[in-house]
Amino acid sequence: MSPAFWARLGGGLMFLDVALGAFAAHGLKARLTPEMLAVFETGARYQAYHALALLLLAAMRGPDKAGWCFAGGITLFSGSLYLLALTGERRFGMITPLGGLLFLAGWALFALKAA
């Protein structure tokens, strides 16, 4: 993938993260328990970290495999936490570690290939 692809994906995910953060702060605060709001905020925080990592990959023309791991990690890790917080269905929490593994793989690939 081209650096422009990773820049667009990272920028789009950051846009979504800001929108989700505003949604949580203004629309969910009164509806979720403090525990579930914290779960949602954890998903948003890790989405932001890894969207920024995609922007860094774009700037560095870094490894594509790391980018795919970061994107997949956002989908599985953050996505499962959003679903858990919004639905209360604990089974979504079983998906979260898979996203965490993708984040770890992405950082390992980044460290090995980005030089």
C-alpha atoms as a PDB file:
ATOM      1  CA  MET A   1       0.000   0.000   0.000  1.00  0.00           C
ATOM      2  CA  SER A   2       1.115   3.531  -0.651  1.00  0.00           C
ATOM      3  CA  PRO A   3       1.992   6.011   2.082  1.00  0.00           C
ATOM      4  CA  ALA A   4      -1.060   8.019   0.990  1.00  0.00           C
ATOM      5  CA  PHE A   5      -3.289   5.027   1.787  1.00  0.00           C
ATOM      6  CA  TRP A   6      -1.905   4.780   5.332  1.00  0.00           C
ATOM      7  CA  ALA A   7      -2.202   8.553   5.775  1.00  0.00           C
ATOM      8  CA  ARG A   8      -5.852   8.513   4.658  1.00  0.00           C
ATOM      9  CA  LEU A   9      -6.636   5.515   6.858  1.00  0.00           C
ATOM     10  CA  GLY A  10      -4.868   7.023   9.877  1.00  0.00           C
ATOM     11  CA  GLY A  11      -6.541  10.385   9.364  1.00  0.00           C
ATOM     12  CA  GLY A  12      -9.950   8.795   8.924  1.00  0.00           C
ATOM     13  CA  LEU A  13      -9.523   6.716  12.064  1.00  0.00           C
ATOM     14  CA  MET A  14      -8.440   9.792  14.035  1.00  0.00           C
ATOM     15  CA  PHE A  15     -11.526  11.650  12.757  1.00  0.00           C
ATOM     16  CA  LEU A  16     -13.678   8.736  13.891  1.00  0.00           C
ATOM     17  CA  ASP A  17     -11.890   8.655  17.246  1.00  0.00           C
ATOM     18  CA  VAL A  18     -12.636  12.325  17.926  1.00  0.00           C
ATOM     19  CA  ALA A  19     -16.281  11.789  16.959  1.00  0.00           C
ATOM     20  CA  LEU A  20     -16.542   8.727  19.206  1.00  0.00           C
ATOM     21  CA  GLY A  21     -14.921  10.609  22.074  1.00  0.00           C
ATOM     22  CA  ALA A  22     -17.445  13.414  21.741  1.00  0.00           C
ATOM     23  CA  PHE A  23     -20.257  10.858  21.535  1.00  0.00           C
ATOM     24  CA  ALA A  24     -19.007   9.213  24.729  1.00  0.00           C
ATOM     25  CA  ALA A  25     -18.585  12.497  26.584  1.00  0.00           C
ATOM     26  CA  HIS A  26     -21.928  13.961  25.596  1.00  0.00           C
ATOM     27  CA  GLY A  27     -24.184  11.073  24.657  1.00  0.00           C
ATOM     28  CA  LEU A  28     -23.058   8.107  26.708  1.00  0.00           C
ATOM     29  CA  LYS A  29     -21.990   9.606  30.019  1.00  0.00           C
ATOM     30  CA  ALA A  30     -25.538   9.529  31.379  1.00  0.00           C
ATOM     31  CA  ARG A  31     -26.365   6.136  29.822  1.00  0.00           C
ATOM     32  CA  LEU A  32     -23.379   3.966  30.710  1.00  0.00           C
ATOM     33  CA  THR A  33     -22.071   2.885  34.068  1.00  0.00           C
ATOM     34  CA  PRO A  34     -18.682   4.374  34.960  1.00  0.00           C
ATOM     35  CA  GLU A  35     -17.143   0.938  34.319  1.00  0.00           C
ATOM     36  CA  MET A  36     -18.592   0.668  30.808  1.00  0.00           C
ATOM     37  CA  LEU A  37     -17.714   4.285  30.020  1.00  0.00           C
ATOM     38  CA  ALA A  38     -14.112   3.474  30.989  1.00  0.00           C
ATOM     39  CA  VAL A  39     -14.224   0.438  28.668  1.00  0.00           C
ATOM     40  CA  PHE A  40     -15.424   2.647  25.806  1.00  0.00           C
ATOM     41  CA  GLU A  41     -12.732   5.231  26.561  1.00  0.00           C
ATOM     42  CA  THR A  42     -10.037   2.524  26.553  1.00  0.00           C
ATOM     43  CA  GLY A  43     -11.143   1.512  23.063  1.00  0.00           C
ATOM     44  CA  ALA A  44     -10.983   5.129  21.914  1.00  0.00           C
ATOM     45  CA  ARG A  45      -7.555   5.685  23.483  1.00  0.00           C
ATOM     46  CA  TYR A  46      -6.030   2.652  21.769  1.00  0.00           C
ATOM     47  CA  GLN A  47      -7.685   3.611  18.496  1.00  0.00           C
ATOM     48  CA  ALA A  48      -6.026   7.030  18.720  1.00  0.00           C
ATOM     49  CA  TYR A  49      -2.603   5.571  19.536  1.00  0.00           C
ATOM     50  CA  HIS A  50      -2.698   3.226  16.586  1.00  0.00           C
ATOM     51  CA  ALA A  51      -4.243   5.676  14.135  1.00  0.00           C
ATOM     52  CA  LEU A  52      -1.292   7.927  14.962  1.00  0.00           C
ATOM     53  CA  ALA A  53       0.992   4.947  14.340  1.00  0.00           C
ATOM     54  CA  LEU A  54      -0.546   4.618  10.863  1.00  0.00           C
ATOM     55  CA  LEU A  55       0.230   8.280  10.216  1.00  0.00           C
ATOM     56  CA  LEU A  56       3.804   7.662  11.362  1.00  0.00           C
ATOM     57  CA  LEU A  57       4.070   4.689   9.014  1.00  0.00           C
ATOM     58  CA  ALA A  58       2.855   6.877   6.171  1.00  0.00           C
ATOM     59  CA  ALA A  59       5.422   9.565   6.945  1.00  0.00           C
ATOM     60  CA  MET A  60       8.233   7.038   7.246  1.00  0.00           C
ATOM     61  CA  ARG A  61       7.076   4.877   4.353  1.00  0.00           C
ATOM     62  CA  GLY A  62       7.138   2.134   6.954  1.00  0.00           C
ATOM     63  CA  PRO A  63       6.246  -1.546   6.704  1.00  0.00           C
ATOM     64  CA  ASP A  64       2.818  -2.357   5.264  1.00  0.00           C
ATOM     65  CA  LYS A  65       2.427  -5.469   7.400  1.00  0.00           C
ATOM     66  CA  ALA A  66       2.665  -3.349  10.543  1.00  0.00           C
ATOM     67  CA  GLY A  67      -0.053  -1.083   9.150  1.00  0.00           C
ATOM     68  CA  TRP A  68      -2.367  -4.010   8.512  1.00  0.00           C
ATOM     69  CA  CYS A  69      -1.747  -5.256  12.049  1.00  0.00           C
ATOM     70  CA  PHE A  70      -2.539  -1.824  13.490  1.00  0.00           C
ATOM     71  CA  ALA A  71      -5.716  -1.530  11.394  1.00  0.00           C
ATOM     72  CA  GLY A  72      -6.832  -5.035  12.336  1.00  0.00           C
ATOM     73  CA  GLY A  73      -5.996  -4.377  15.967  1.00  0.00           C
ATOM     74  CA  ILE A  74      -8.136  -1.234  15.979  1.00  0.00           C
ATOM     75  CA  THR A  75     -11.011  -3.189  14.455  1.00  0.00           C
ATOM     76  CA  LEU A  76     -10.813  -6.093  16.898  1.00  0.00           C
ATOM     77  CA  PHE A  77      -9.538  -4.415  20.063  1.00  0.00           C
ATOM     78  CA  SER A  78     -11.317  -1.073  19.957  1.00  0.00           C
ATOM     79  CA  GLY A  79     -14.334  -2.401  18.097  1.00  0.00           C
ATOM     80  CA  SER A  80     -14.939  -5.163  20.626  1.00  0.00           C
ATOM     81  CA  LEU A  81     -14.626  -2.704  23.522  1.00  0.00           C
ATOM     82  CA  TYR A  82     -17.113  -0.333  21.874  1.00  0.00           C
ATOM     83  CA  LEU A  83     -19.554  -3.206  21.412  1.00  0.00           C
ATOM     84  CA  LEU A  84     -19.023  -4.446  24.967  1.00  0.00           C
ATOM     85  CA  ALA A  85     -19.657  -0.986  26.407  1.00  0.00           C
ATOM     86  CA  LEU A  86     -22.706  -0.276  24.252  1.00  0.00           C
ATOM     87  CA  THR A  87     -24.401  -3.665  24.554  1.00  0.00           C
ATOM     88  CA  GLY A  88     -23.157  -5.023  27.875  1.00  0.00           C
ATOM     89  CA  GLU A  89     -22.528  -8.360  26.140  1.00  0.00           C
ATOM     90  CA  ARG A  90     -19.435  -9.749  27.856  1.00  0.00           C
ATOM     91  CA  ARG A  91     -18.759 -12.168  25.000  1.00  0.00           C
ATOM     92  CA  PHE A  92     -17.364  -9.284  22.957  1.00  0.00           C
ATOM     93  CA  GLY A  93     -14.549  -9.148  25.502  1.00  0.00           C
ATOM     94  CA  MET A  94     -13.276 -12.472  24.146  1.00  0.00           C
ATOM     95  CA  ILE A  95     -12.322 -10.719  20.893  1.00  0.00           C
ATOM     96  CA  THR A  96     -10.318  -7.955  22.562  1.00  0.00           C
ATOM     97  CA  PRO A  97      -7.107  -9.980  23.197  1.00  0.00           C
ATOM     98  CA  LEU A  98      -6.901 -10.863  19.497  1.00  0.00           C
ATOM     99  CA  GLY A  99      -6.754  -7.163  18.708  1.00  0.00           C
ATOM    100  CA  GLY A 100      -4.093  -6.743  21.379  1.00  0.00           C
ATOM    101  CA  LEU A 101      -2.030  -9.463  19.739  1.00  0.00           C
ATOM    102  CA  LEU A 102      -2.315  -7.653  16.417  1.00  0.00           C
ATOM    103  CA  PHE A 103      -1.114  -4.443  18.079  1.00  0.00           C
ATOM    104  CA  LEU A 104       1.886  -6.304  19.495  1.00  0.00           C
ATOM    105  CA  ALA A 105       2.642  -7.888  16.121  1.00  0.00           C
ATOM    106  CA  GLY A 106       2.391  -4.487  14.458  1.00  0.00           C
ATOM    107  CA  TRP A 107       4.867  -2.929  16.855  1.00  0.00           C
ATOM    108  CA  ALA A 108       7.246  -5.875  16.472  1.00  0.00           C
ATOM    109  CA  LEU A 109       7.103  -5.545  12.686  1.00  0.00           C
ATOM    110  CA  PHE A 110       7.540  -1.805  12.980  1.00  0.00           C
ATOM    111  CA  ALA A 111      10.625  -2.242  15.165  1.00  0.00           C
ATOM    112  CA  LEU A 112      12.149  -4.865  12.880  1.00  0.00           C
ATOM    113  CA  LYS A 113      11.492  -3.203   9.529  1.00  0.00           C
ATOM    114  CA  ALA A 114      11.352   0.560  10.086  1.00  0.00           C
ATOM    115  CA  ALA A 115      14.883   1.804   9.858  1.00  0.00           C
END
